[in-house]
Amino acid sequence: MRCTLCIVAPKERKHLSADALLRLVRSGFTNIPDPRCDDGDIAFTDALMAAFAMFSLTSPSRLACDTQRVEDHVGTL
């Protein structure tokens, strides 16, 4: 079954998609040694991906991002 609402990149441009960028970033993060002394509950690569996500947001803070999301949603109702 094919999703009619999905946006699919053409085969020749799959390396230019957001998914490809995130895979590239994650693969780069896996090469960074974990400097923590003890084993944390969260994998170091996952922590780096979370930091990358926060720095790639356009809002100055998570609260501002959530506030904008709520306000934009209310404006579309």
PDB file of N, CA and C in Angstrom:
ATOM      1  N   MET A   1       0.849  -1.188   0.000  1.00  0.00           N
ATOM      2  CA  MET A   1       0.000   0.000   0.000  1.00  0.00           C
ATOM      3  C   MET A   1       0.889   1.244   0.000  1.00  0.00           C
ATOM      4  N   ARG A   2       0.615   2.144  -0.878  1.00  0.00           N
ATOM      5  CA  ARG A   2       1.433   3.341  -1.005  1.00  0.00           C
ATOM      6  C   ARG A   2       0.759   4.521  -0.316  1.00  0.00           C
ATOM      7  N   CYS A   3       1.513   5.298   0.411  1.00  0.00           N
ATOM      8  CA  CYS A   3       0.997   6.464   1.126  1.00  0.00           C
ATOM      9  C   CYS A   3       0.888   7.636   0.149  1.00  0.00           C
ATOM     10  N   THR A   4      -0.303   8.171  -0.016  1.00  0.00           N
ATOM     11  CA  THR A   4      -0.484   9.273  -0.962  1.00  0.00           C
ATOM     12  C   THR A   4      -0.032  10.603  -0.381  1.00  0.00           C
ATOM     13  N   LEU A   5       0.092  10.693   0.954  1.00  0.00           N
ATOM     14  CA  LEU A   5       0.494  11.944   1.587  1.00  0.00           C
ATOM     15  C   LEU A   5       1.990  12.011   1.851  1.00  0.00           C
ATOM     16  N   CYS A   6       2.706  10.924   1.598  1.00  0.00           N
ATOM     17  CA  CYS A   6       4.144  10.893   1.848  1.00  0.00           C
ATOM     18  C   CYS A   6       4.881  11.630   0.745  1.00  0.00           C
ATOM     19  N   ILE A   7       5.930  12.321   1.143  1.00  0.00           N
ATOM     20  CA  ILE A   7       6.806  12.968   0.169  1.00  0.00           C
ATOM     21  C   ILE A   7       8.024  12.075   0.023  1.00  0.00           C
ATOM     22  N   VAL A   8       8.261  11.618  -1.174  1.00  0.00           N
ATOM     23  CA  VAL A   8       9.362  10.707  -1.431  1.00  0.00           C
ATOM     24  C   VAL A   8      10.323  11.386  -2.391  1.00  0.00           C
ATOM     25  N   ALA A   9      11.596  11.421  -2.005  1.00  0.00           N
ATOM     26  CA  ALA A   9      12.613  12.028  -2.862  1.00  0.00           C
ATOM     27  C   ALA A   9      12.863  11.118  -4.058  1.00  0.00           C
ATOM     28  N   PRO A  10      13.117  11.705  -5.219  1.00  0.00           N
ATOM     29  CA  PRO A  10      13.481  10.870  -6.367  1.00  0.00           C
ATOM     30  C   PRO A  10      14.728  10.047  -6.053  1.00  0.00           C
ATOM     31  N   LYS A  11      14.867   8.886  -6.678  1.00  0.00           N
ATOM     32  CA  LYS A  11      15.969   7.984  -6.359  1.00  0.00           C
ATOM     33  C   LYS A  11      17.326   8.638  -6.534  1.00  0.00           C
ATOM     34  N   GLU A  12      17.484   9.464  -7.532  1.00  0.00           N
ATOM     35  CA  GLU A  12      18.783  10.072  -7.772  1.00  0.00           C
ATOM     36  C   GLU A  12      19.115  11.177  -6.778  1.00  0.00           C
ATOM     37  N   ARG A  13      18.166  11.582  -5.937  1.00  0.00           N
ATOM     38  CA  ARG A  13      18.409  12.666  -4.984  1.00  0.00           C
ATOM     39  C   ARG A  13      18.229  12.222  -3.538  1.00  0.00           C
ATOM     40  N   LYS A  14      18.199  10.943  -3.266  1.00  0.00           N
ATOM     41  CA  LYS A  14      18.006  10.457  -1.898  1.00  0.00           C
ATOM     42  C   LYS A  14      19.106  10.925  -0.964  1.00  0.00           C
ATOM     43  N   HIS A  15      20.307  11.157  -1.480  1.00  0.00           N
ATOM     44  CA  HIS A  15      21.409  11.610  -0.635  1.00  0.00           C
ATOM     45  C   HIS A  15      21.236  13.071  -0.220  1.00  0.00           C
ATOM     46  N   LEU A  16      20.260  13.770  -0.794  1.00  0.00           N
ATOM     47  CA  LEU A  16      20.009  15.171  -0.447  1.00  0.00           C
ATOM     48  C   LEU A  16      18.842  15.336   0.518  1.00  0.00           C
ATOM     49  N   SER A  17      18.314  14.253   1.042  1.00  0.00           N
ATOM     50  CA  SER A  17      17.151  14.331   1.928  1.00  0.00           C
ATOM     51  C   SER A  17      17.574  14.587   3.376  1.00  0.00           C
ATOM     52  N   ALA A  18      16.607  14.966   4.196  1.00  0.00           N
ATOM     53  CA  ALA A  18      16.870  15.181   5.622  1.00  0.00           C
ATOM     54  C   ALA A  18      17.285  13.876   6.289  1.00  0.00           C
ATOM     55  N   ASP A  19      16.671  12.768   5.885  1.00  0.00           N
ATOM     56  CA  ASP A  19      17.039  11.473   6.453  1.00  0.00           C
ATOM     57  C   ASP A  19      18.497  11.143   6.161  1.00  0.00           C
ATOM     58  N   ALA A  20      18.939  11.443   4.945  1.00  0.00           N
ATOM     59  CA  ALA A  20      20.334  11.183   4.586  1.00  0.00           C
ATOM     60  C   ALA A  20      21.273  12.061   5.410  1.00  0.00           C
ATOM     61  N   LEU A  21      20.890  13.308   5.638  1.00  0.00           N
ATOM     62  CA  LEU A  21      21.705  14.198   6.469  1.00  0.00           C
ATOM     63  C   LEU A  21      21.811  13.669   7.892  1.00  0.00           C
ATOM     64  N   LEU A  22      20.700  13.233   8.447  1.00  0.00           N
ATOM     65  CA  LEU A  22      20.716  12.713   9.817  1.00  0.00           C
ATOM     66  C   LEU A  22      21.531  11.429   9.910  1.00  0.00           C
ATOM     67  N   ARG A  23      21.448  10.574   8.896  1.00  0.00           N
ATOM     68  CA  ARG A  23      22.280   9.364   8.887  1.00  0.00           C
ATOM     69  C   ARG A  23      23.761   9.728   8.840  1.00  0.00           C
ATOM     70  N   LEU A  24      24.103  10.735   8.043  1.00  0.00           N
ATOM     71  CA  LEU A  24      25.488  11.180   7.933  1.00  0.00           C
ATOM     72  C   LEU A  24      25.993  11.748   9.259  1.00  0.00           C
ATOM     73  N   VAL A  25      25.170  12.566   9.908  1.00  0.00           N
ATOM     74  CA  VAL A  25      25.543  13.145  11.206  1.00  0.00           C
ATOM     75  C   VAL A  25      25.713  12.038  12.241  1.00  0.00           C
ATOM     76  N   ARG A  26      24.755  11.099  12.286  1.00  0.00           N
ATOM     77  CA  ARG A  26      24.833  10.001  13.262  1.00  0.00           C
ATOM     78  C   ARG A  26      26.077   9.157  13.028  1.00  0.00           C
ATOM     79  N   SER A  27      26.395   8.870  11.765  1.00  0.00           N
ATOM     80  CA  SER A  27      27.586   8.057  11.492  1.00  0.00           C
ATOM     81  C   SER A  27      28.859   8.805  11.905  1.00  0.00           C
ATOM     82  N   GLY A  28      28.854  10.120  11.769  1.00  0.00           N
ATOM     83  CA  GLY A  28      29.998  10.900  12.242  1.00  0.00           C
ATOM     84  C   GLY A  28      30.101  10.892  13.755  1.00  0.00           C
ATOM     85  N   PHE A  29      28.967  10.946  14.430  1.00  0.00           N
ATOM     86  CA  PHE A  29      28.965  10.933  15.893  1.00  0.00           C
ATOM     87  C   PHE A  29      29.416   9.590  16.455  1.00  0.00           C
ATOM     88  N   THR A  30      29.186   8.501  15.725  1.00  0.00           N
ATOM     89  CA  THR A  30      29.594   7.190  16.239  1.00  0.00           C
ATOM     90  C   THR A  30      31.110   7.059  16.304  1.00  0.00           C
ATOM     91  N   ASN A  31      31.829   7.893  15.559  1.00  0.00           N
ATOM     92  CA  ASN A  31      33.292   7.854  15.568  1.00  0.00           C
ATOM     93  C   ASN A  31      33.912   8.642  16.719  1.00  0.00           C
ATOM     94  N   ILE A  32      33.109   9.391  17.456  1.00  0.00           N
ATOM     95  CA  ILE A  32      33.614  10.194  18.573  1.00  0.00           C
ATOM     96  C   ILE A  32      33.668   9.318  19.822  1.00  0.00           C
ATOM     97  N   PRO A  33      34.830   9.219  20.468  1.00  0.00           N
ATOM     98  CA  PRO A  33      34.923   8.386  21.680  1.00  0.00           C
ATOM     99  C   PRO A  33      34.130   9.017  22.831  1.00  0.00           C
ATOM    100  N   ASP A  34      33.545   8.161  23.650  1.00  0.00           N
ATOM    101  CA  ASP A  34      32.743   8.600  24.795  1.00  0.00           C
ATOM    102  C   ASP A  34      33.678   8.986  25.938  1.00  0.00           C
ATOM    103  N   PRO A  35      33.742  10.291  26.309  1.00  0.00           N
ATOM    104  CA  PRO A  35      34.666  10.723  27.360  1.00  0.00           C
ATOM    105  C   PRO A  35      34.144  10.509  28.780  1.00  0.00           C
ATOM    106  N   ARG A  36      32.917  10.033  28.914  1.00  0.00           N
ATOM    107  CA  ARG A  36      32.355   9.854  30.252  1.00  0.00           C
ATOM    108  C   ARG A  36      33.057   8.721  30.991  1.00  0.00           C
ATOM    109  N   CYS A  37      33.196   8.903  32.292  1.00  0.00           N
ATOM    110  CA  CYS A  37      33.889   7.902  33.114  1.00  0.00           C
ATOM    111  C   CYS A  37      33.042   6.649  33.307  1.00  0.00           C
ATOM    112  N   ASP A  38      31.756   6.836  33.541  1.00  0.00           N
ATOM    113  CA  ASP A  38      30.883   5.685  33.752  1.00  0.00           C
ATOM    114  C   ASP A  38      29.932   5.543  32.572  1.00  0.00           C
ATOM    115  N   ASP A  39      29.361   4.383  32.463  1.00  0.00           N
ATOM    116  CA  ASP A  39      28.383   4.159  31.406  1.00  0.00           C
ATOM    117  C   ASP A  39      27.091   4.878  31.767  1.00  0.00           C
ATOM    118  N   GLY A  40      26.654   5.785  30.939  1.00  0.00           N
ATOM    119  CA  GLY A  40      25.426   6.516  31.187  1.00  0.00           C
ATOM    120  C   GLY A  40      24.213   5.714  30.751  1.00  0.00           C
ATOM    121  N   ASP A  41      23.065   6.200  31.144  1.00  0.00           N
ATOM    122  CA  ASP A  41      21.817   5.541  30.746  1.00  0.00           C
ATOM    123  C   ASP A  41      21.508   5.791  29.275  1.00  0.00           C
ATOM    124  N   ILE A  42      22.048   6.872  28.745  1.00  0.00           N
ATOM    125  CA  ILE A  42      21.797   7.246  27.360  1.00  0.00           C
ATOM    126  C   ILE A  42      23.081   7.040  26.568  1.00  0.00           C
ATOM    127  N   ALA A  43      22.950   6.436  25.404  1.00  0.00           N
ATOM    128  CA  ALA A  43      24.119   6.234  24.555  1.00  0.00           C
ATOM    129  C   ALA A  43      24.694   7.591  24.165  1.00  0.00           C
ATOM    130  N   PHE A  44      26.016   7.666  24.096  1.00  0.00           N
ATOM    131  CA  PHE A  44      26.684   8.932  23.785  1.00  0.00           C
ATOM    132  C   PHE A  44      26.251   9.471  22.424  1.00  0.00           C
ATOM    133  N   THR A  45      26.099   8.589  21.441  1.00  0.00           N
ATOM    134  CA  THR A  45      25.647   9.009  20.113  1.00  0.00           C
ATOM    135  C   THR A  45      24.255   9.633  20.191  1.00  0.00           C
ATOM    136  N   ASP A  46      23.366   9.049  20.999  1.00  0.00           N
ATOM    137  CA  ASP A  46      22.015   9.606  21.155  1.00  0.00           C
ATOM    138  C   ASP A  46      22.064  10.978  21.822  1.00  0.00           C
ATOM    139  N   ALA A  47      22.944  11.149  22.798  1.00  0.00           N
ATOM    140  CA  ALA A  47      23.084  12.446  23.461  1.00  0.00           C
ATOM    141  C   ALA A  47      23.587  13.500  22.471  1.00  0.00           C
ATOM    142  N   LEU A  48      24.529  13.117  21.625  1.00  0.00           N
ATOM    143  CA  LEU A  48      25.031  14.045  20.612  1.00  0.00           C
ATOM    144  C   LEU A  48      23.943  14.389  19.590  1.00  0.00           C
ATOM    145  N   MET A  49      23.124  13.411  19.226  1.00  0.00           N
ATOM    146  CA  MET A  49      22.023  13.675  18.284  1.00  0.00           C
ATOM    147  C   MET A  49      21.002  14.632  18.909  1.00  0.00           C
ATOM    148  N   ALA A  50      20.753  14.496  20.207  1.00  0.00           N
ATOM    149  CA  ALA A  50      19.835  15.413  20.888  1.00  0.00           C
ATOM    150  C   ALA A  50      20.404  16.825  20.897  1.00  0.00           C
ATOM    151  N   ALA A  51      21.701  16.946  21.136  1.00  0.00           N
ATOM    152  CA  ALA A  51      22.336  18.266  21.098  1.00  0.00           C
ATOM    153  C   ALA A  51      22.274  18.852  19.695  1.00  0.00           C
ATOM    154  N   PHE A  52      22.501  18.031  18.689  1.00  0.00           N
ATOM    155  CA  PHE A  52      22.401  18.485  17.299  1.00  0.00           C
ATOM    156  C   PHE A  52      20.986  18.986  17.007  1.00  0.00           C
ATOM    157  N   ALA A  53      19.985  18.266  17.496  1.00  0.00           N
ATOM    158  CA  ALA A  53      18.593  18.669  17.275  1.00  0.00           C
ATOM    159  C   ALA A  53      18.318  20.028  17.918  1.00  0.00           C
ATOM    160  N   MET A  54      18.820  20.228  19.126  1.00  0.00           N
ATOM    161  CA  MET A  54      18.583  21.497  19.812  1.00  0.00           C
ATOM    162  C   MET A  54      19.253  22.658  19.079  1.00  0.00           C
ATOM    163  N   PHE A  55      20.461  22.434  18.559  1.00  0.00           N
ATOM    164  CA  PHE A  55      21.160  23.507  17.853  1.00  0.00           C
ATOM    165  C   PHE A  55      20.581  23.766  16.469  1.00  0.00           C
ATOM    166  N   SER A  56      19.858  22.805  15.928  1.00  0.00           N
ATOM    167  CA  SER A  56      19.292  23.010  14.597  1.00  0.00           C
ATOM    168  C   SER A  56      17.899  23.632  14.644  1.00  0.00           C
ATOM    169  N   LEU A  57      17.355  23.812  15.842  1.00  0.00           N
ATOM    170  CA  LEU A  57      16.052  24.479  15.961  1.00  0.00           C
ATOM    171  C   LEU A  57      16.201  25.973  15.669  1.00  0.00           C
ATOM    172  N   THR A  58      15.160  26.577  15.134  1.00  0.00           N
ATOM    173  CA  THR A  58      15.225  28.004  14.824  1.00  0.00           C
ATOM    174  C   THR A  58      14.813  28.869  16.004  1.00  0.00           C
ATOM    175  N   SER A  59      14.194  28.283  17.005  1.00  0.00           N
ATOM    176  CA  SER A  59      13.785  29.042  18.179  1.00  0.00           C
ATOM    177  C   SER A  59      14.937  29.149  19.165  1.00  0.00           C
ATOM    178  N   PRO A  60      14.964  30.215  19.983  1.00  0.00           N
ATOM    179  CA  PRO A  60      16.055  30.386  20.934  1.00  0.00           C
ATOM    180  C   PRO A  60      16.023  29.397  22.099  1.00  0.00           C
ATOM    181  N   SER A  61      14.875  28.757  22.338  1.00  0.00           N
ATOM    182  CA  SER A  61      14.791  27.791  23.432  1.00  0.00           C
ATOM    183  C   SER A  61      13.704  26.775  23.112  1.00  0.00           C
ATOM    184  N   ARG A  62      13.688  25.694  23.867  1.00  0.00           N
ATOM    185  CA  ARG A  62      12.657  24.661  23.688  1.00  0.00           C
ATOM    186  C   ARG A  62      11.292  25.221  24.047  1.00  0.00           C
ATOM    187  N   LEU A  63      11.217  26.066  25.068  1.00  0.00           N
ATOM    188  CA  LEU A  63       9.954  26.673  25.459  1.00  0.00           C
ATOM    189  C   LEU A  63       9.424  27.567  24.350  1.00  0.00           C
ATOM    190  N   ALA A  64      10.285  28.368  23.749  1.00  0.00           N
ATOM    191  CA  ALA A  64       9.864  29.237  22.657  1.00  0.00           C
ATOM    192  C   ALA A  64       9.385  28.410  21.464  1.00  0.00           C
ATOM    193  N   CYS A  65      10.043  27.299  21.213  1.00  0.00           N
ATOM    194  CA  CYS A  65       9.640  26.416  20.115  1.00  0.00           C
ATOM    195  C   CYS A  65       8.251  25.841  20.377  1.00  0.00           C
ATOM    196  N   ASP A  66       8.015  25.379  21.607  1.00  0.00           N
ATOM    197  CA  ASP A  66       6.714  24.811  21.948  1.00  0.00           C
ATOM    198  C   ASP A  66       5.623  25.878  21.921  1.00  0.00           C
ATOM    199  N   THR A  67       5.930  27.084  22.415  1.00  0.00           N
ATOM    200  CA  THR A  67       4.960  28.176  22.398  1.00  0.00           C
ATOM    201  C   THR A  67       4.583  28.534  20.963  1.00  0.00           C
ATOM    202  N   GLN A  68       5.569  28.616  20.093  1.00  0.00           N
ATOM    203  CA  GLN A  68       5.302  28.928  18.692  1.00  0.00           C
ATOM    204  C   GLN A  68       4.462  27.834  18.042  1.00  0.00           C
ATOM    205  N   ARG A  69       4.756  26.589  18.369  1.00  0.00           N
ATOM    206  CA  ARG A  69       3.987  25.464  17.808  1.00  0.00           C
ATOM    207  C   ARG A  69       2.532  25.560  18.222  1.00  0.00           C
ATOM    208  N   VAL A  70       2.288  25.842  19.498  1.00  0.00           N
ATOM    209  CA  VAL A  70       0.915  25.947  20.006  1.00  0.00           C
ATOM    210  C   VAL A  70       0.211  27.140  19.370  1.00  0.00           C
ATOM    211  N   GLU A  71       0.877  28.281  19.308  1.00  0.00           N
ATOM    212  CA  GLU A  71       0.258  29.475  18.735  1.00  0.00           C
ATOM    213  C   GLU A  71      -0.046  29.294  17.249  1.00  0.00           C
ATOM    214  N   ASP A  72       0.854  28.675  16.524  1.00  0.00           N
ATOM    215  CA  ASP A  72       0.619  28.440  15.105  1.00  0.00           C
ATOM    216  C   ASP A  72      -0.549  27.481  14.904  1.00  0.00           C
ATOM    217  N   HIS A  73      -0.663  26.483  15.767  1.00  0.00           N
ATOM    218  CA  HIS A  73      -1.756  25.524  15.657  1.00  0.00           C
ATOM    219  C   HIS A  73      -3.090  26.195  15.950  1.00  0.00           C
ATOM    220  N   VAL A  74      -3.119  27.043  16.968  1.00  0.00           N
ATOM    221  CA  VAL A  74      -4.357  27.728  17.325  1.00  0.00           C
ATOM    222  C   VAL A  74      -4.763  28.681  16.198  1.00  0.00           C
ATOM    223  N   GLY A  75      -3.783  29.308  15.566  1.00  0.00           N
ATOM    224  CA  GLY A  75      -4.110  30.240  14.475  1.00  0.00           C
ATOM    225  C   GLY A  75      -4.689  29.546  13.255  1.00  0.00           C
ATOM    226  N   THR A  76      -4.403  28.261  13.072  1.00  0.00           N
ATOM    227  CA  THR A  76      -4.934  27.560  11.904  1.00  0.00           C
ATOM    228  C   THR A  76      -6.321  26.993  12.137  1.00  0.00           C
ATOM    229  N   LEU A  77      -6.785  26.982  13.382  1.00  0.00           N
ATOM    230  CA  LEU A  77      -8.122  26.412  13.656  1.00  0.00           C
ATOM    231  C   LEU A  77      -9.196  27.260  13.134  1.00  0.00           C
TER     232      LEU A  77
END
